[in-house]
Amino acid sequence: MTELLEEIRRAAEQVGETDFLELLRWHRAVVGLPDFDPHAPGSYRAAVEELDERRTGQLLRDLRRASRDPKRHRHGADGKPAFRDGQTLRSRLS
């Protein structure tokens, strides 16, 4: 898991903090984890560690895709549901 965390850190540096936080929050919401405080020390690492290994791998894949083509991710062409305020649209309407 340590190697995976290091790869996520490198990929997150390429996409920037805003896009990293958006993707991390989306992946956490999908598995039903609560939002986290990004301003607390060590919160990014703890937030990623709470994801299971499969979901962490998917986060890394999405970060790499976003770094290769940021417009594709920003315009929602990746097929991911809208995520805002710690929830997906589906969870807000349920």
PDB file of N, CA and C in Angstrom:
ATOM      1  N   MET A   1       0.829  -1.197   0.000  1.00  0.00           N
ATOM      2  CA  MET A   1       0.000   0.000   0.000  1.00  0.00           C
ATOM      3  C   MET A   1       0.867   1.252   0.000  1.00  0.00           C
ATOM      4  N   THR A   2       2.045   1.187   0.607  1.00  0.00           N
ATOM      5  CA  THR A   2       2.928   2.343   0.668  1.00  0.00           C
ATOM      6  C   THR A   2       3.358   2.780  -0.728  1.00  0.00           C
ATOM      7  N   GLU A   3       3.656   1.801  -1.590  1.00  0.00           N
ATOM      8  CA  GLU A   3       4.045   2.130  -2.961  1.00  0.00           C
ATOM      9  C   GLU A   3       2.894   2.788  -3.705  1.00  0.00           C
ATOM     10  N   LEU A   4       1.689   2.278  -3.482  1.00  0.00           N
ATOM     11  CA  LEU A   4       0.509   2.844  -4.127  1.00  0.00           C
ATOM     12  C   LEU A   4       0.268   4.279  -3.648  1.00  0.00           C
ATOM     13  N   LEU A   5       0.467   4.532  -2.366  1.00  0.00           N
ATOM     14  CA  LEU A   5       0.313   5.885  -1.831  1.00  0.00           C
ATOM     15  C   LEU A   5       1.331   6.842  -2.450  1.00  0.00           C
ATOM     16  N   GLU A   6       2.543   6.355  -2.660  1.00  0.00           N
ATOM     17  CA  GLU A   6       3.580   7.191  -3.275  1.00  0.00           C
ATOM     18  C   GLU A   6       3.226   7.509  -4.729  1.00  0.00           C
ATOM     19  N   GLU A   7       2.688   6.536  -5.450  1.00  0.00           N
ATOM     20  CA  GLU A   7       2.269   6.775  -6.831  1.00  0.00           C
ATOM     21  C   GLU A   7       1.111   7.773  -6.876  1.00  0.00           C
ATOM     22  N   ILE A   8       0.194   7.659  -5.919  1.00  0.00           N
ATOM     23  CA  ILE A   8      -0.931   8.609  -5.858  1.00  0.00           C
ATOM     24  C   ILE A   8      -0.413  10.006  -5.553  1.00  0.00           C
ATOM     25  N   ARG A   9       0.558  10.117  -4.666  1.00  0.00           N
ATOM     26  CA  ARG A   9       1.128  11.436  -4.348  1.00  0.00           C
ATOM     27  C   ARG A   9       1.739  12.075  -5.589  1.00  0.00           C
ATOM     28  N   ARG A  10       2.497  11.294  -6.364  1.00  0.00           N
ATOM     29  CA  ARG A  10       3.111  11.829  -7.581  1.00  0.00           C
ATOM     30  C   ARG A  10       2.055  12.242  -8.606  1.00  0.00           C
ATOM     31  N   ALA A  11       1.043  11.407  -8.774  1.00  0.00           N
ATOM     32  CA  ALA A  11      -0.023  11.724  -9.728  1.00  0.00           C
ATOM     33  C   ALA A  11      -0.817  12.945  -9.272  1.00  0.00           C
ATOM     34  N   ALA A  12      -1.029  13.076  -7.956  1.00  0.00           N
ATOM     35  CA  ALA A  12      -1.764  14.219  -7.420  1.00  0.00           C
ATOM     36  C   ALA A  12      -0.998  15.520  -7.648  1.00  0.00           C
ATOM     37  N   GLU A  13       0.319  15.468  -7.574  1.00  0.00           N
ATOM     38  CA  GLU A  13       1.120  16.663  -7.842  1.00  0.00           C
ATOM     39  C   GLU A  13       0.946  17.121  -9.282  1.00  0.00           C
ATOM     40  N   GLN A  14       0.746  16.192 -10.191  1.00  0.00           N
ATOM     41  CA  GLN A  14       0.592  16.537 -11.604  1.00  0.00           C
ATOM     42  C   GLN A  14      -0.761  17.179 -11.894  1.00  0.00           C
ATOM     43  N   VAL A  15      -1.820  16.730 -11.232  1.00  0.00           N
ATOM     44  CA  VAL A  15      -3.144  17.282 -11.525  1.00  0.00           C
ATOM     45  C   VAL A  15      -3.467  18.516 -10.689  1.00  0.00           C
ATOM     46  N   GLY A  16      -2.801  18.691  -9.575  1.00  0.00           N
ATOM     47  CA  GLY A  16      -3.079  19.838  -8.711  1.00  0.00           C
ATOM     48  C   GLY A  16      -4.019  19.468  -7.576  1.00  0.00           C
ATOM     49  N   GLU A  17      -3.991  20.289  -6.553  1.00  0.00           N
ATOM     50  CA  GLU A  17      -4.743  19.987  -5.339  1.00  0.00           C
ATOM     51  C   GLU A  17      -6.258  19.972  -5.562  1.00  0.00           C
ATOM     52  N   THR A  18      -6.776  20.904  -6.338  1.00  0.00           N
ATOM     53  CA  THR A  18      -8.223  20.995  -6.546  1.00  0.00           C
ATOM     54  C   THR A  18      -8.769  19.742  -7.213  1.00  0.00           C
ATOM     55  N   ASP A  19      -8.137  19.320  -8.306  1.00  0.00           N
ATOM     56  CA  ASP A  19      -8.609  18.126  -9.005  1.00  0.00           C
ATOM     57  C   ASP A  19      -8.392  16.866  -8.164  1.00  0.00           C
ATOM     58  N   PHE A  20      -7.282  16.811  -7.436  1.00  0.00           N
ATOM     59  CA  PHE A  20      -7.033  15.666  -6.563  1.00  0.00           C
ATOM     60  C   PHE A  20      -8.126  15.557  -5.510  1.00  0.00           C
ATOM     61  N   LEU A  21      -8.454  16.662  -4.869  1.00  0.00           N
ATOM     62  CA  LEU A  21      -9.491  16.637  -3.831  1.00  0.00           C
ATOM     63  C   LEU A  21     -10.840  16.223  -4.406  1.00  0.00           C
ATOM     64  N   GLU A  22     -11.158  16.714  -5.590  1.00  0.00           N
ATOM     65  CA  GLU A  22     -12.435  16.355  -6.211  1.00  0.00           C
ATOM     66  C   GLU A  22     -12.509  14.852  -6.463  1.00  0.00           C
ATOM     67  N   LEU A  23     -11.447  14.292  -7.036  1.00  0.00           N
ATOM     68  CA  LEU A  23     -11.443  12.853  -7.309  1.00  0.00           C
ATOM     69  C   LEU A  23     -11.437  12.031  -6.020  1.00  0.00           C
ATOM     70  N   LEU A  24     -10.644  12.441  -5.054  1.00  0.00           N
ATOM     71  CA  LEU A  24     -10.596  11.714  -3.786  1.00  0.00           C
ATOM     72  C   LEU A  24     -11.953  11.737  -3.101  1.00  0.00           C
ATOM     73  N   ARG A  25     -12.596  12.881  -3.064  1.00  0.00           N
ATOM     74  CA  ARG A  25     -13.920  12.976  -2.438  1.00  0.00           C
ATOM     75  C   ARG A  25     -14.945  12.131  -3.200  1.00  0.00           C
ATOM     76  N   TRP A  26     -14.842  12.115  -4.519  1.00  0.00           N
ATOM     77  CA  TRP A  26     -15.775  11.309  -5.309  1.00  0.00           C
ATOM     78  C   TRP A  26     -15.610   9.831  -4.974  1.00  0.00           C
ATOM     79  N   HIS A  27     -14.376   9.358  -4.945  1.00  0.00           N
ATOM     80  CA  HIS A  27     -14.143   7.937  -4.654  1.00  0.00           C
ATOM     81  C   HIS A  27     -14.586   7.590  -3.235  1.00  0.00           C
ATOM     82  N   ARG A  28     -14.413   8.489  -2.297  1.00  0.00           N
ATOM     83  CA  ARG A  28     -14.865   8.247  -0.929  1.00  0.00           C
ATOM     84  C   ARG A  28     -16.386   8.203  -0.859  1.00  0.00           C
ATOM     85  N   ALA A  29     -17.051   9.090  -1.590  1.00  0.00           N
ATOM     86  CA  ALA A  29     -18.515   9.113  -1.587  1.00  0.00           C
ATOM     87  C   ALA A  29     -19.097   7.850  -2.208  1.00  0.00           C
ATOM     88  N   VAL A  30     -18.454   7.342  -3.242  1.00  0.00           N
ATOM     89  CA  VAL A  30     -18.944   6.149  -3.918  1.00  0.00           C
ATOM     90  C   VAL A  30     -18.972   4.949  -2.976  1.00  0.00           C
ATOM     91  N   VAL A  31     -17.975   4.823  -2.118  1.00  0.00           N
ATOM     92  CA  VAL A  31     -17.944   3.687  -1.191  1.00  0.00           C
ATOM     93  C   VAL A  31     -18.619   4.003   0.146  1.00  0.00           C
ATOM     94  N   GLY A  32     -19.210   5.178   0.255  1.00  0.00           N
ATOM     95  CA  GLY A  32     -19.977   5.521   1.451  1.00  0.00           C
ATOM     96  C   GLY A  32     -19.164   6.063   2.611  1.00  0.00           C
ATOM     97  N   LEU A  33     -17.939   6.508   2.347  1.00  0.00           N
ATOM     98  CA  LEU A  33     -17.127   7.105   3.413  1.00  0.00           C
ATOM     99  C   LEU A  33     -17.497   8.583   3.562  1.00  0.00           C
ATOM    100  N   PRO A  34     -17.421   9.106   4.775  1.00  0.00           N
ATOM    101  CA  PRO A  34     -17.751  10.520   4.979  1.00  0.00           C
ATOM    102  C   PRO A  34     -16.673  11.438   4.401  1.00  0.00           C
ATOM    103  N   ASP A  35     -17.041  12.694   4.221  1.00  0.00           N
ATOM    104  CA  ASP A  35     -16.074  13.690   3.769  1.00  0.00           C
ATOM    105  C   ASP A  35     -15.021  13.878   4.862  1.00  0.00           C
ATOM    106  N   PHE A  36     -13.917  14.484   4.522  1.00  0.00           N
ATOM    107  CA  PHE A  36     -12.833  14.683   5.477  1.00  0.00           C
ATOM    108  C   PHE A  36     -12.393  16.138   5.442  1.00  0.00           C
ATOM    109  N   ASP A  37     -11.663  16.552   6.461  1.00  0.00           N
ATOM    110  CA  ASP A  37     -11.151  17.924   6.543  1.00  0.00           C
ATOM    111  C   ASP A  37      -9.790  17.974   5.865  1.00  0.00           C
ATOM    112  N   PRO A  38      -9.687  18.588   4.685  1.00  0.00           N
ATOM    113  CA  PRO A  38      -8.405  18.616   3.980  1.00  0.00           C
ATOM    114  C   PRO A  38      -7.364  19.507   4.644  1.00  0.00           C
ATOM    115  N   HIS A  39      -7.771  20.302   5.617  1.00  0.00           N
ATOM    116  CA  HIS A  39      -6.842  21.223   6.272  1.00  0.00           C
ATOM    117  C   HIS A  39      -6.139  20.597   7.487  1.00  0.00           C
ATOM    118  N   ALA A  40      -6.633  19.451   7.934  1.00  0.00           N
ATOM    119  CA  ALA A  40      -6.017  18.771   9.079  1.00  0.00           C
ATOM    120  C   ALA A  40      -4.708  18.102   8.649  1.00  0.00           C
ATOM    121  N   PRO A  41      -3.710  18.107   9.518  1.00  0.00           N
ATOM    122  CA  PRO A  41      -2.435  17.465   9.169  1.00  0.00           C
ATOM    123  C   PRO A  41      -2.612  15.964   8.907  1.00  0.00           C
ATOM    124  N   GLY A  42      -2.048  15.489   7.807  1.00  0.00           N
ATOM    125  CA  GLY A  42      -2.104  14.072   7.461  1.00  0.00           C
ATOM    126  C   GLY A  42      -3.445  13.592   6.953  1.00  0.00           C
ATOM    127  N   SER A  43      -4.355  14.521   6.657  1.00  0.00           N
ATOM    128  CA  SER A  43      -5.705  14.105   6.276  1.00  0.00           C
ATOM    129  C   SER A  43      -5.750  13.457   4.894  1.00  0.00           C
ATOM    130  N   TYR A  44      -4.930  13.900   3.955  1.00  0.00           N
ATOM    131  CA  TYR A  44      -4.948  13.308   2.611  1.00  0.00           C
ATOM    132  C   TYR A  44      -4.547  11.841   2.693  1.00  0.00           C
ATOM    133  N   ARG A  45      -3.459  11.580   3.387  1.00  0.00           N
ATOM    134  CA  ARG A  45      -2.962  10.202   3.505  1.00  0.00           C
ATOM    135  C   ARG A  45      -4.003   9.322   4.203  1.00  0.00           C
ATOM    136  N   ALA A  46      -4.572   9.819   5.290  1.00  0.00           N
ATOM    137  CA  ALA A  46      -5.576   9.045   6.017  1.00  0.00           C
ATOM    138  C   ALA A  46      -6.815   8.807   5.154  1.00  0.00           C
ATOM    139  N   ALA A  47      -7.214   9.812   4.378  1.00  0.00           N
ATOM    140  CA  ALA A  47      -8.392   9.678   3.521  1.00  0.00           C
ATOM    141  C   ALA A  47      -8.168   8.626   2.446  1.00  0.00           C
ATOM    142  N   VAL A  48      -6.962   8.573   1.894  1.00  0.00           N
ATOM    143  CA  VAL A  48      -6.651   7.563   0.874  1.00  0.00           C
ATOM    144  C   VAL A  48      -6.542   6.188   1.513  1.00  0.00           C
ATOM    145  N   GLU A  49      -5.946   6.089   2.693  1.00  0.00           N
ATOM    146  CA  GLU A  49      -5.772   4.799   3.365  1.00  0.00           C
ATOM    147  C   GLU A  49      -7.104   4.160   3.752  1.00  0.00           C
ATOM    148  N   GLU A  50      -8.147   4.960   3.946  1.00  0.00           N
ATOM    149  CA  GLU A  50      -9.459   4.409   4.291  1.00  0.00           C
ATOM    150  C   GLU A  50     -10.117   3.705   3.103  1.00  0.00           C
ATOM    151  N   LEU A  51      -9.669   4.014   1.886  1.00  0.00           N
ATOM    152  CA  LEU A  51     -10.200   3.330   0.711  1.00  0.00           C
ATOM    153  C   LEU A  51      -9.626   1.928   0.634  1.00  0.00           C
ATOM    154  N   ASP A  52     -10.404   0.979   0.090  1.00  0.00           N
ATOM    155  CA  ASP A  52      -9.822  -0.352  -0.085  1.00  0.00           C
ATOM    156  C   ASP A  52      -8.828  -0.321  -1.249  1.00  0.00           C
ATOM    157  N   GLU A  53      -8.071  -1.384  -1.399  1.00  0.00           N
ATOM    158  CA  GLU A  53      -6.981  -1.382  -2.384  1.00  0.00           C
ATOM    159  C   GLU A  53      -7.496  -1.243  -3.820  1.00  0.00           C
ATOM    160  N   ARG A  54      -8.625  -1.864  -4.109  1.00  0.00           N
ATOM    161  CA  ARG A  54      -9.189  -1.760  -5.463  1.00  0.00           C
ATOM    162  C   ARG A  54      -9.602  -0.323  -5.773  1.00  0.00           C
ATOM    163  N   ARG A  55     -10.268   0.309  -4.819  1.00  0.00           N
ATOM    164  CA  ARG A  55     -10.719   1.690  -5.017  1.00  0.00           C
ATOM    165  C   ARG A  55      -9.521   2.630  -5.089  1.00  0.00           C
ATOM    166  N   THR A  56      -8.478   2.365  -4.322  1.00  0.00           N
ATOM    167  CA  THR A  56      -7.267   3.179  -4.364  1.00  0.00           C
ATOM    168  C   THR A  56      -6.620   3.076  -5.737  1.00  0.00           C
ATOM    169  N   GLY A  57      -6.620   1.889  -6.309  1.00  0.00           N
ATOM    170  CA  GLY A  57      -6.105   1.704  -7.663  1.00  0.00           C
ATOM    171  C   GLY A  57      -6.921   2.475  -8.684  1.00  0.00           C
ATOM    172  N   GLN A  58      -8.236   2.509  -8.498  1.00  0.00           N
ATOM    173  CA  GLN A  58      -9.097   3.271  -9.405  1.00  0.00           C
ATOM    174  C   GLN A  58      -8.844   4.773  -9.265  1.00  0.00           C
ATOM    175  N   LEU A  59      -8.602   5.223  -8.044  1.00  0.00           N
ATOM    176  CA  LEU A  59      -8.260   6.627  -7.827  1.00  0.00           C
ATOM    177  C   LEU A  59      -6.972   6.972  -8.565  1.00  0.00           C
ATOM    178  N   LEU A  60      -5.980   6.119  -8.459  1.00  0.00           N
ATOM    179  CA  LEU A  60      -4.717   6.348  -9.160  1.00  0.00           C
ATOM    180  C   LEU A  60      -4.944   6.391 -10.665  1.00  0.00           C
ATOM    181  N   ARG A  61      -5.733   5.464 -11.188  1.00  0.00           N
ATOM    182  CA  ARG A  61      -6.038   5.458 -12.619  1.00  0.00           C
ATOM    183  C   ARG A  61      -6.702   6.768 -13.057  1.00  0.00           C
ATOM    184  N   ASP A  62      -7.676   7.236 -12.263  1.00  0.00           N
ATOM    185  CA  ASP A  62      -8.367   8.480 -12.599  1.00  0.00           C
ATOM    186  C   ASP A  62      -7.438   9.691 -12.510  1.00  0.00           C
ATOM    187  N   LEU A  63      -6.537   9.701 -11.535  1.00  0.00           N
ATOM    188  CA  LEU A  63      -5.571  10.794 -11.427  1.00  0.00           C
ATOM    189  C   LEU A  63      -4.654  10.827 -12.639  1.00  0.00           C
ATOM    190  N   ARG A  64      -4.213   9.664 -13.078  1.00  0.00           N
ATOM    191  CA  ARG A  64      -3.353   9.605 -14.265  1.00  0.00           C
ATOM    192  C   ARG A  64      -4.094  10.065 -15.509  1.00  0.00           C
ATOM    193  N   ARG A  65      -5.353   9.656 -15.643  1.00  0.00           N
ATOM    194  CA  ARG A  65      -6.157  10.101 -16.789  1.00  0.00           C
ATOM    195  C   ARG A  65      -6.347  11.608 -16.759  1.00  0.00           C
ATOM    196  N   ALA A  66      -6.626  12.138 -15.586  1.00  0.00           N
ATOM    197  CA  ALA A  66      -6.844  13.583 -15.461  1.00  0.00           C
ATOM    198  C   ALA A  66      -5.568  14.357 -15.779  1.00  0.00           C
ATOM    199  N   SER A  67      -4.419  13.809 -15.435  1.00  0.00           N
ATOM    200  CA  SER A  67      -3.167  14.517 -15.729  1.00  0.00           C
ATOM    201  C   SER A  67      -2.853  14.486 -17.219  1.00  0.00           C
ATOM    202  N   ARG A  68      -3.255  13.414 -17.904  1.00  0.00           N
ATOM    203  CA  ARG A  68      -3.019  13.329 -19.344  1.00  0.00           C
ATOM    204  C   ARG A  68      -3.939  14.251 -20.127  1.00  0.00           C
ATOM    205  N   ASP A  69      -5.195  14.351 -19.698  1.00  0.00           N
ATOM    206  CA  ASP A  69      -6.177  15.140 -20.438  1.00  0.00           C
ATOM    207  C   ASP A  69      -7.124  15.831 -19.460  1.00  0.00           C
ATOM    208  N   PRO A  70      -6.690  16.965 -18.891  1.00  0.00           N
ATOM    209  CA  PRO A  70      -7.500  17.619 -17.847  1.00  0.00           C
ATOM    210  C   PRO A  70      -8.876  18.074 -18.328  1.00  0.00           C
ATOM    211  N   LYS A  71      -9.011  18.466 -19.566  1.00  0.00           N
ATOM    212  CA  LYS A  71     -10.317  18.923 -20.057  1.00  0.00           C
ATOM    213  C   LYS A  71     -11.328  17.791 -20.086  1.00  0.00           C
ATOM    214  N   ARG A  72     -10.880  16.596 -20.422  1.00  0.00           N
ATOM    215  CA  ARG A  72     -11.782  15.449 -20.459  1.00  0.00           C
ATOM    216  C   ARG A  72     -12.403  15.232 -19.083  1.00  0.00           C
ATOM    217  N   HIS A  73     -11.587  15.295 -18.055  1.00  0.00           N
ATOM    218  CA  HIS A  73     -12.103  15.099 -16.702  1.00  0.00           C
ATOM    219  C   HIS A  73     -13.004  16.258 -16.286  1.00  0.00           C
ATOM    220  N   ARG A  74     -12.600  17.460 -16.547  1.00  0.00           N
ATOM    221  CA  ARG A  74     -13.350  18.634 -16.083  1.00  0.00           C
ATOM    222  C   ARG A  74     -14.732  18.733 -16.713  1.00  0.00           C
ATOM    223  N   HIS A  75     -14.902  18.228 -17.918  1.00  0.00           N
ATOM    224  CA  HIS A  75     -16.194  18.344 -18.586  1.00  0.00           C
ATOM    225  C   HIS A  75     -17.088  17.133 -18.365  1.00  0.00           C
ATOM    226  N   GLY A  76     -16.666  16.222 -17.517  1.00  0.00           N
ATOM    227  CA  GLY A  76     -17.509  15.090 -17.169  1.00  0.00           C
ATOM    228  C   GLY A  76     -17.590  14.014 -18.231  1.00  0.00           C
ATOM    229  N   ALA A  77     -16.707  14.040 -19.205  1.00  0.00           N
ATOM    230  CA  ALA A  77     -16.756  13.050 -20.274  1.00  0.00           C
ATOM    231  C   ALA A  77     -16.289  11.680 -19.814  1.00  0.00           C
ATOM    232  N   ASP A  78     -15.823  11.582 -18.577  1.00  0.00           N
ATOM    233  CA  ASP A  78     -15.361  10.285 -18.079  1.00  0.00           C
ATOM    234  C   ASP A  78     -16.520   9.436 -17.564  1.00  0.00           C
ATOM    235  N   GLY A  79     -17.747   9.974 -17.605  1.00  0.00           N
ATOM    236  CA  GLY A  79     -18.915   9.202 -17.210  1.00  0.00           C
ATOM    237  C   GLY A  79     -19.156   9.133 -15.715  1.00  0.00           C
ATOM    238  N   LYS A  80     -18.407   9.866 -14.928  1.00  0.00           N
ATOM    239  CA  LYS A  80     -18.580   9.833 -13.484  1.00  0.00           C
ATOM    240  C   LYS A  80     -19.771  10.720 -13.094  1.00  0.00           C
ATOM    241  N   PRO A  81     -20.515  10.312 -12.081  1.00  0.00           N
ATOM    242  CA  PRO A  81     -21.645  11.139 -11.655  1.00  0.00           C
ATOM    243  C   PRO A  81     -21.178  12.457 -11.042  1.00  0.00           C
ATOM    244  N   ALA A  82     -22.037  13.439 -11.096  1.00  0.00           N
ATOM    245  CA  ALA A  82     -21.717  14.743 -10.506  1.00  0.00           C
ATOM    246  C   ALA A  82     -21.511  14.591  -9.008  1.00  0.00           C
ATOM    247  N   PHE A  83     -20.480  15.220  -8.496  1.00  0.00           N
ATOM    248  CA  PHE A  83     -20.153  15.139  -7.073  1.00  0.00           C
ATOM    249  C   PHE A  83     -20.009  16.557  -6.546  1.00  0.00           C
ATOM    250  N   ARG A  84     -20.789  16.886  -5.520  1.00  0.00           N
ATOM    251  CA  ARG A  84     -20.725  18.223  -4.965  1.00  0.00           C
ATOM    252  C   ARG A  84     -21.111  18.169  -3.493  1.00  0.00           C
ATOM    253  N   ASP A  85     -20.421  18.943  -2.692  1.00  0.00           N
ATOM    254  CA  ASP A  85     -20.718  19.064  -1.259  1.00  0.00           C
ATOM    255  C   ASP A  85     -20.710  17.719  -0.532  1.00  0.00           C
ATOM    256  N   GLY A  86     -19.758  16.856  -0.894  1.00  0.00           N
ATOM    257  CA  GLY A  86     -19.601  15.600  -0.189  1.00  0.00           C
ATOM    258  C   GLY A  86     -20.586  14.513  -0.576  1.00  0.00           C
ATOM    259  N   GLN A  87     -21.367  14.727  -1.656  1.00  0.00           N
ATOM    260  CA  GLN A  87     -22.357  13.734  -2.066  1.00  0.00           C
ATOM    261  C   GLN A  87     -22.410  13.643  -3.580  1.00  0.00           C
ATOM    262  N   THR A  88     -22.839  12.491  -4.075  1.00  0.00           N
ATOM    263  CA  THR A  88     -23.149  12.394  -5.498  1.00  0.00           C
ATOM    264  C   THR A  88     -24.592  12.848  -5.690  1.00  0.00           C
ATOM    265  N   LEU A  89     -24.961  13.146  -6.902  1.00  0.00           N
ATOM    266  CA  LEU A  89     -26.321  13.589  -7.190  1.00  0.00           C
ATOM    267  C   LEU A  89     -27.313  12.503  -6.786  1.00  0.00           C
ATOM    268  N   ARG A  90     -26.961  11.253  -7.033  1.00  0.00           N
ATOM    269  CA  ARG A  90     -27.853  10.154  -6.692  1.00  0.00           C
ATOM    270  C   ARG A  90     -28.127  10.099  -5.190  1.00  0.00           C
ATOM    271  N   SER A  91     -27.083  10.281  -4.377  1.00  0.00           N
ATOM    272  CA  SER A  91     -27.290  10.206  -2.935  1.00  0.00           C
ATOM    273  C   SER A  91     -28.085  11.399  -2.406  1.00  0.00           C
ATOM    274  N   ARG A  92     -27.982  12.560  -3.075  1.00  0.00           N
ATOM    275  CA  ARG A  92     -28.768  13.723  -2.645  1.00  0.00           C
ATOM    276  C   ARG A  92     -30.251  13.525  -2.918  1.00  0.00           C
ATOM    277  N   LEU A  93     -30.576  12.828  -4.022  1.00  0.00           N
ATOM    278  CA  LEU A  93     -31.971  12.649  -4.392  1.00  0.00           C
ATOM    279  C   LEU A  93     -32.623  11.432  -3.752  1.00  0.00           C
ATOM    280  N   SER A  94     -31.833  10.601  -3.105  1.00  0.00           N
ATOM    281  CA  SER A  94     -32.380   9.377  -2.490  1.00  0.00           C
ATOM    282  C   SER A  94     -33.072   9.677  -1.193  1.00  0.00           C
TER     283      SER A  94
END
